[in-house]
């Protein structure tokens, strides 16, 4: 499998990133703990086509732990929308840096597997 670079940010995602001055997870900034999880709905057309795999999403999380914006980094076209719909409903403990809430950008994976 060939490496594919992430698609460019949409202007809206880039604007949210600038407005929040979000930092990337890593180093001194630990990934926040998810406190509200929503499982993605497996699209019937993807099930019929027996499509499965992992969609990788970049999520912008505000200082209160809410998902502000998302974008797909690794796409499975029939599953992308379901992955984004689920991630946008997630909630995290407020991300902290030096004990203070801090907006962050992090990648999350959404797995789809046939049962």
C-alpha atoms as a PDB file:
ATOM      1  CA  UNK A   1       0.000   0.000   0.000  1.00  0.00           C
ATOM      2  CA  UNK A   2       1.411   3.387  -0.982  1.00  0.00           C
ATOM      3  CA  UNK A   3       1.577   6.240   1.509  1.00  0.00           C
ATOM      4  CA  UNK A   4      -0.897   8.987   0.738  1.00  0.00           C
ATOM      5  CA  UNK A   5      -0.458  12.403   2.333  1.00  0.00           C
ATOM      6  CA  UNK A   6      -3.405  13.833   4.241  1.00  0.00           C
ATOM      7  CA  UNK A   7      -5.762  15.929   2.146  1.00  0.00           C
ATOM      8  CA  UNK A   8      -5.493  19.697   2.583  1.00  0.00           C
ATOM      9  CA  UNK A   9      -7.523  21.310   5.349  1.00  0.00           C
ATOM     10  CA  UNK A  10     -10.820  22.864   4.394  1.00  0.00           C
ATOM     11  CA  UNK A  11     -10.926  26.634   4.929  1.00  0.00           C
ATOM     12  CA  UNK A  12     -13.482  26.099   7.716  1.00  0.00           C
ATOM     13  CA  UNK A  13     -11.285  23.587   9.578  1.00  0.00           C
ATOM     14  CA  UNK A  14      -8.255  25.832   9.204  1.00  0.00           C
ATOM     15  CA  UNK A  15     -10.251  28.821  10.510  1.00  0.00           C
ATOM     16  CA  UNK A  16     -11.439  26.852  13.576  1.00  0.00           C
ATOM     17  CA  UNK A  17      -7.859  25.745  14.216  1.00  0.00           C
ATOM     18  CA  UNK A  18      -6.622  29.342  14.133  1.00  0.00           C
ATOM     19  CA  UNK A  19      -9.493  30.687  16.250  1.00  0.00           C
ATOM     20  CA  UNK A  20      -8.913  28.148  19.024  1.00  0.00           C
ATOM     21  CA  UNK A  21      -5.115  28.205  18.803  1.00  0.00           C
ATOM     22  CA  UNK A  22      -5.252  24.432  19.295  1.00  0.00           C
ATOM     23  CA  UNK A  23      -2.144  22.383  20.010  1.00  0.00           C
ATOM     24  CA  UNK A  24      -1.416  18.926  18.640  1.00  0.00           C
ATOM     25  CA  UNK A  25      -1.450  15.971  20.985  1.00  0.00           C
ATOM     26  CA  UNK A  26       2.040  14.752  21.841  1.00  0.00           C
ATOM     27  CA  UNK A  27       4.940  15.525  24.118  1.00  0.00           C
ATOM     28  CA  UNK A  28       3.649  17.407  27.166  1.00  0.00           C
ATOM     29  CA  UNK A  29       0.077  17.285  25.890  1.00  0.00           C
ATOM     30  CA  UNK A  30      -1.578  13.954  26.575  1.00  0.00           C
ATOM     31  CA  UNK A  31      -4.630  12.725  24.710  1.00  0.00           C
ATOM     32  CA  UNK A  32      -7.780  13.526  26.667  1.00  0.00           C
ATOM     33  CA  UNK A  33     -10.046  10.705  27.876  1.00  0.00           C
ATOM     34  CA  UNK A  34     -13.284  10.212  25.963  1.00  0.00           C
ATOM     35  CA  UNK A  35     -16.250  10.476  28.328  1.00  0.00           C
ATOM     36  CA  UNK A  36     -19.090  10.152  25.804  1.00  0.00           C
ATOM     37  CA  UNK A  37     -18.832   7.639  22.991  1.00  0.00           C
ATOM     38  CA  UNK A  38     -21.197   7.213  20.057  1.00  0.00           C
ATOM     39  CA  UNK A  39     -20.734   4.142  17.883  1.00  0.00           C
ATOM     40  CA  UNK A  40     -20.946   4.773  14.140  1.00  0.00           C
ATOM     41  CA  UNK A  41     -23.950   3.466  12.267  1.00  0.00           C
ATOM     42  CA  UNK A  42     -22.699   0.950   9.693  1.00  0.00           C
ATOM     43  CA  UNK A  43     -24.192   2.175   6.385  1.00  0.00           C
ATOM     44  CA  UNK A  44     -26.369  -0.541   4.797  1.00  0.00           C
ATOM     45  CA  UNK A  45     -24.771   0.009   1.382  1.00  0.00           C
ATOM     46  CA  UNK A  46     -21.315  -0.574   2.922  1.00  0.00           C
ATOM     47  CA  UNK A  47     -22.573  -3.733   4.622  1.00  0.00           C
ATOM     48  CA  UNK A  48     -24.048  -5.008   1.358  1.00  0.00           C
ATOM     49  CA  UNK A  49     -20.761  -4.306  -0.396  1.00  0.00           C
ATOM     50  CA  UNK A  50     -18.884  -5.975   2.499  1.00  0.00           C
ATOM     51  CA  UNK A  51     -16.765  -2.849   2.969  1.00  0.00           C
ATOM     52  CA  UNK A  52     -14.840  -2.702   6.223  1.00  0.00           C
ATOM     53  CA  UNK A  53     -11.746  -1.043   7.582  1.00  0.00           C
ATOM     54  CA  UNK A  54     -10.581   1.997   9.514  1.00  0.00           C
ATOM     55  CA  UNK A  55     -11.374   5.636   8.833  1.00  0.00           C
ATOM     56  CA  UNK A  56      -8.839   8.005  10.404  1.00  0.00           C
ATOM     57  CA  UNK A  57     -10.274  11.325  11.487  1.00  0.00           C
ATOM     58  CA  UNK A  58      -8.572  14.476  12.713  1.00  0.00           C
ATOM     59  CA  UNK A  59     -10.674  16.094  15.447  1.00  0.00           C
ATOM     60  CA  UNK A  60     -10.453  19.623  16.797  1.00  0.00           C
ATOM     61  CA  UNK A  61     -11.414  19.594  20.489  1.00  0.00           C
ATOM     62  CA  UNK A  62     -12.129  22.802  22.407  1.00  0.00           C
ATOM     63  CA  UNK A  63     -11.066  23.543  25.995  1.00  0.00           C
ATOM     64  CA  UNK A  64     -14.357  22.111  27.305  1.00  0.00           C
ATOM     65  CA  UNK A  65     -13.811  18.768  25.564  1.00  0.00           C
ATOM     66  CA  UNK A  66     -16.331  19.293  22.746  1.00  0.00           C
ATOM     67  CA  UNK A  67     -15.631  18.334  19.144  1.00  0.00           C
ATOM     68  CA  UNK A  68     -15.563  21.584  17.185  1.00  0.00           C
ATOM     69  CA  UNK A  69     -14.637  20.261  13.746  1.00  0.00           C
ATOM     70  CA  UNK A  70     -13.488  17.087  12.024  1.00  0.00           C
ATOM     71  CA  UNK A  71     -11.884  16.025   8.791  1.00  0.00           C
ATOM     72  CA  UNK A  72     -11.034  12.679   7.231  1.00  0.00           C
ATOM     73  CA  UNK A  73      -7.336  11.846   6.954  1.00  0.00           C
ATOM     74  CA  UNK A  74      -7.700   8.243   5.714  1.00  0.00           C
ATOM     75  CA  UNK A  75     -10.812   7.642   3.711  1.00  0.00           C
ATOM     76  CA  UNK A  76     -13.064   4.707   2.972  1.00  0.00           C
ATOM     77  CA  UNK A  77     -15.682   6.557   0.906  1.00  0.00           C
ATOM     78  CA  UNK A  78     -18.681   4.418   1.920  1.00  0.00           C
ATOM     79  CA  UNK A  79     -17.788   4.784   5.613  1.00  0.00           C
ATOM     80  CA  UNK A  80     -16.499   8.356   5.917  1.00  0.00           C
ATOM     81  CA  UNK A  81     -19.839  10.019   6.615  1.00  0.00           C
ATOM     82  CA  UNK A  82     -20.784   7.510   9.327  1.00  0.00           C
ATOM     83  CA  UNK A  83     -17.372   7.931  10.969  1.00  0.00           C
ATOM     84  CA  UNK A  84     -17.632  11.729  10.983  1.00  0.00           C
ATOM     85  CA  UNK A  85     -21.223  11.630  12.282  1.00  0.00           C
ATOM     86  CA  UNK A  86     -20.134   9.483  15.235  1.00  0.00           C
ATOM     87  CA  UNK A  87     -16.958  11.428  16.094  1.00  0.00           C
ATOM     88  CA  UNK A  88     -18.799  14.759  16.043  1.00  0.00           C
ATOM     89  CA  UNK A  89     -20.952  13.476  18.928  1.00  0.00           C
ATOM     90  CA  UNK A  90     -18.036  12.388  21.124  1.00  0.00           C
ATOM     91  CA  UNK A  91     -17.143  14.303  24.273  1.00  0.00           C
ATOM     92  CA  UNK A  92     -13.802  14.387  26.082  1.00  0.00           C
ATOM     93  CA  UNK A  93     -12.555  15.427  29.491  1.00  0.00           C
ATOM     94  CA  UNK A  94     -11.194  18.937  29.014  1.00  0.00           C
ATOM     95  CA  UNK A  95      -7.681  18.610  27.556  1.00  0.00           C
ATOM     96  CA  UNK A  96      -5.089  20.054  29.937  1.00  0.00           C
ATOM     97  CA  UNK A  97      -1.697  21.646  29.540  1.00  0.00           C
ATOM     98  CA  UNK A  98       0.073  22.612  32.766  1.00  0.00           C
ATOM     99  CA  UNK A  99      -3.251  22.077  34.567  1.00  0.00           C
ATOM    100  CA  UNK A 100      -5.166  24.550  32.383  1.00  0.00           C
ATOM    101  CA  UNK A 101      -7.780  23.602  29.762  1.00  0.00           C
ATOM    102  CA  UNK A 102      -6.311  23.750  26.256  1.00  0.00           C
ATOM    103  CA  UNK A 103      -7.911  23.182  22.831  1.00  0.00           C
ATOM    104  CA  UNK A 104      -6.194  20.344  20.976  1.00  0.00           C
ATOM    105  CA  UNK A 105      -6.066  18.614  17.622  1.00  0.00           C
ATOM    106  CA  UNK A 106      -5.834  14.840  17.642  1.00  0.00           C
ATOM    107  CA  UNK A 107      -6.346  11.914  15.330  1.00  0.00           C
ATOM    108  CA  UNK A 108      -8.850   9.197  16.136  1.00  0.00           C
ATOM    109  CA  UNK A 109      -9.645   5.951  14.409  1.00  0.00           C
ATOM    110  CA  UNK A 110     -13.106   4.625  13.678  1.00  0.00           C
ATOM    111  CA  UNK A 111     -13.143   0.910  12.892  1.00  0.00           C
ATOM    112  CA  UNK A 112     -15.830  -0.847  10.877  1.00  0.00           C
ATOM    113  CA  UNK A 113     -15.885  -4.647  10.857  1.00  0.00           C
ATOM    114  CA  UNK A 114     -18.427  -7.048   9.437  1.00  0.00           C
ATOM    115  CA  UNK A 115     -20.107  -9.128  12.140  1.00  0.00           C
END
